[in-house]
């Protein structure tokens, strides 16, 4: 009877492990895979006198980001060795930590939806993935396009082929 109990425990442990791995994989969903940072542009909220981030842009363009179960591999600050993912829907006013909805330089309101459409947002809301160990949120504009904001720049990533 001891061998049978051992086998039952081993099966139970394997089911728990594979179950948690499949849950993590489901959270990553359409974000998983290899992506290339292809473009960067000045963010609409950036102060024209303090745009900054050009050195960061040069360092990141052309680099690869790999999103997998439990980790994001990529240049700092994008990499995350032990990621816990949070995936949710965001509307235009929530993208880039609400940057598109911030008042313009004269204090007037911005049209976050128009700015998001100009960036390529195809629908009223998009899937957003955040990790537990990085300040970057990835917004999924299509099966082949992610965007994120960093240091007054908006970066576009394309799925690697």
Protein backbone atom coordinates (compact mmCIF):
# COMPACT_ATOMS: atom_id res chain seq x y z
CA UNK A 1 0.00 0.00 0.00
CA UNK A 2 2.96 2.38 0.63
CA UNK A 3 4.01 2.39 -3.05
CA UNK A 4 0.46 3.19 -4.16
CA UNK A 5 0.27 6.18 -1.78
CA UNK A 6 3.62 7.42 -3.04
CA UNK A 7 2.37 7.26 -6.63
CA UNK A 8 -0.85 9.09 -5.72
CA UNK A 9 1.14 11.86 -4.02
CA UNK A 10 3.47 12.17 -7.01
CA UNK A 11 0.51 12.45 -9.37
CA UNK A 12 -1.17 15.05 -7.13
CA UNK A 13 2.02 17.14 -6.94
CA UNK A 14 2.46 16.96 -10.72
CA UNK A 15 -1.14 18.04 -11.27
CA UNK A 16 -0.72 21.02 -8.95
CA UNK A 17 2.55 22.03 -10.61
CA UNK A 18 1.24 21.68 -14.16
CA UNK A 19 -2.01 23.40 -13.17
CA UNK A 20 -0.17 26.45 -11.83
CA UNK A 21 2.11 26.48 -14.90
CA UNK A 22 -0.90 26.41 -17.22
CA UNK A 23 -2.55 29.23 -15.23
CA UNK A 24 0.61 31.34 -15.60
CA UNK A 25 0.70 30.53 -19.32
CA UNK A 26 -2.96 31.52 -19.70
CA UNK A 27 -2.22 34.89 -18.06
CA UNK A 28 0.55 35.58 -20.56
CA UNK A 29 -1.72 34.55 -23.44
CA UNK A 30 -1.16 36.54 -26.60
CA UNK A 31 1.74 38.43 -25.03
CA UNK A 32 4.02 35.38 -24.96
CA UNK A 33 6.75 35.01 -27.53
CA UNK A 34 9.69 36.92 -28.93
CA UNK A 35 9.31 40.62 -29.71
CA UNK A 36 11.64 43.19 -31.27
CA UNK A 37 11.67 46.83 -30.17
CA UNK A 38 11.29 48.45 -33.58
CA UNK A 39 10.26 52.08 -33.08
CA UNK A 40 10.20 54.88 -30.57
CA UNK A 41 8.46 58.22 -30.65
CA UNK A 42 8.13 61.17 -28.33
CA UNK A 43 5.13 60.70 -26.05
CA UNK A 44 2.26 63.19 -26.45
CA UNK A 45 2.55 64.20 -22.78
CA UNK A 46 6.28 64.97 -23.00
CA UNK A 47 7.33 68.54 -22.23
CA UNK A 48 9.04 69.83 -25.39
CA UNK A 49 11.76 71.44 -23.27
CA UNK A 50 12.49 68.30 -21.22
CA UNK A 51 11.97 65.38 -23.56
CA UNK A 52 14.87 63.25 -22.31
CA UNK A 53 15.20 59.57 -22.94
CA UNK A 54 17.20 59.73 -26.18
CA UNK A 55 20.06 57.63 -24.75
CA UNK A 56 17.51 55.07 -23.52
CA UNK A 57 15.91 55.01 -26.98
CA UNK A 58 19.24 54.28 -28.68
CA UNK A 59 19.97 51.52 -26.17
CA UNK A 60 16.60 49.79 -26.62
CA UNK A 61 15.89 50.02 -30.36
CA UNK A 62 16.53 46.72 -32.13
CA UNK A 63 16.70 44.74 -28.89
CA UNK A 64 14.67 41.59 -28.25
CA UNK A 65 12.15 40.95 -25.48
CA UNK A 66 11.03 37.37 -24.75
CA UNK A 67 7.84 36.96 -22.72
CA UNK A 68 7.35 33.50 -21.28
CA UNK A 69 5.84 31.69 -18.35
CA UNK A 70 7.22 33.30 -15.23
CA UNK A 71 9.80 35.58 -16.85
CA UNK A 72 10.47 38.39 -19.27
CA UNK A 73 13.94 38.36 -20.83
CA UNK A 74 15.16 41.66 -22.19
CA UNK A 75 17.25 44.73 -21.52
CA UNK A 76 16.76 46.67 -18.28
CA UNK A 77 14.22 47.78 -17.15
CA UNK A 78 12.15 45.33 -19.23
CA UNK A 79 13.58 42.06 -17.91
CA UNK A 80 11.88 40.28 -15.05
CA UNK A 81 13.26 36.93 -13.84
CA UNK A 82 10.38 35.90 -11.58
CA UNK A 83 7.35 37.57 -13.10
CA UNK A 84 3.87 37.42 -11.71
CA UNK A 85 1.58 38.74 -14.43
CA UNK A 86 -1.47 40.92 -14.19
CA UNK A 87 -3.50 41.10 -17.40
CA UNK A 88 -6.48 43.41 -17.79
CA UNK A 89 -8.32 45.62 -20.28
CA UNK A 90 -7.43 49.31 -20.52
CA UNK A 91 -9.18 52.15 -22.30
CA UNK A 92 -7.21 54.99 -23.90
CA UNK A 93 -7.32 57.15 -20.78
CA UNK A 94 -5.54 54.41 -18.79
CA UNK A 95 -2.73 53.67 -21.25
CA UNK A 96 0.81 54.66 -20.25
CA UNK A 97 -0.25 55.19 -16.63
CA UNK A 98 -2.89 57.68 -17.76
CA UNK A 99 -0.38 59.80 -19.68
CA UNK A 100 -2.63 60.28 -22.71
CA UNK A 101 -5.37 61.78 -20.54
CA UNK A 102 -3.17 64.25 -18.66
CA UNK A 103 -3.88 67.94 -19.31
CA UNK A 104 -1.89 69.63 -22.05
CA UNK A 105 0.73 72.28 -21.26
CA UNK A 106 -1.91 75.02 -21.03
CA UNK A 107 -3.94 72.90 -18.58
CA UNK A 108 -6.60 72.00 -21.13
CA UNK A 109 -8.00 68.51 -21.57
CA UNK A 110 -6.52 66.06 -24.08
CA UNK A 111 -8.50 63.66 -26.23
CA UNK A 112 -6.98 60.39 -25.02
CA UNK A 113 -8.93 58.33 -27.58
CA UNK A 114 -7.70 60.43 -30.52
CA UNK A 115 -4.11 60.23 -29.25
CA UNK A 116 -4.41 56.45 -28.80
CA UNK A 117 -5.81 56.03 -32.33
CA UNK A 118 -2.89 58.08 -33.69
CA UNK A 119 -0.56 55.63 -31.95
CA UNK A 120 -2.32 52.67 -33.58
CA UNK A 121 -4.85 51.60 -30.95
CA UNK A 122 -7.50 49.80 -33.02
CA UNK A 123 -10.34 49.47 -30.49
CA UNK A 124 -11.84 51.26 -27.48
CA UNK A 125 -9.90 49.00 -25.11
CA UNK A 126 -6.81 46.83 -25.33
CA UNK A 127 -5.25 44.06 -23.23
CA UNK A 128 -2.53 45.28 -20.90
CA UNK A 129 0.06 43.10 -19.18
CA UNK A 130 2.02 44.22 -16.14
CA UNK A 131 4.68 42.26 -14.29
CA UNK A 132 5.49 42.18 -10.60
CA UNK A 133 9.10 43.28 -11.06
CA UNK A 134 9.14 45.93 -13.79
CA UNK A 135 7.70 49.42 -14.11
CA UNK A 136 6.69 48.77 -17.72
CA UNK A 137 3.14 47.89 -18.81
CA UNK A 138 2.76 46.28 -22.24
CA UNK A 139 -0.35 47.24 -24.22
CA UNK A 140 -1.39 44.82 -26.98
CA UNK A 141 -2.63 46.71 -30.04
CA UNK A 142 -2.76 43.58 -32.24
CA UNK A 143 -1.51 39.98 -32.46
CA UNK A 144 1.78 41.34 -33.77
CA UNK A 145 2.10 44.71 -31.98
CA UNK A 146 2.82 45.73 -28.39
CA UNK A 147 3.57 49.22 -27.09
CA UNK A 148 4.99 50.53 -23.83
CA UNK A 149 5.97 53.92 -22.45
CA UNK A 150 9.29 54.78 -20.84
CA UNK A 151 11.02 58.11 -20.16
CA UNK A 152 8.74 60.24 -22.35
CA UNK A 153 8.94 57.81 -25.27
CA UNK A 154 6.43 55.30 -26.62
CA UNK A 155 8.07 52.15 -27.93
CA UNK A 156 6.54 49.78 -30.47
CA UNK A 157 7.43 46.10 -30.46
CA UNK A 158 6.66 43.69 -33.28
CA UNK A 159 6.43 39.95 -32.93
CA UNK A 160 9.66 38.37 -34.19
CA UNK A 161 9.28 35.97 -37.09
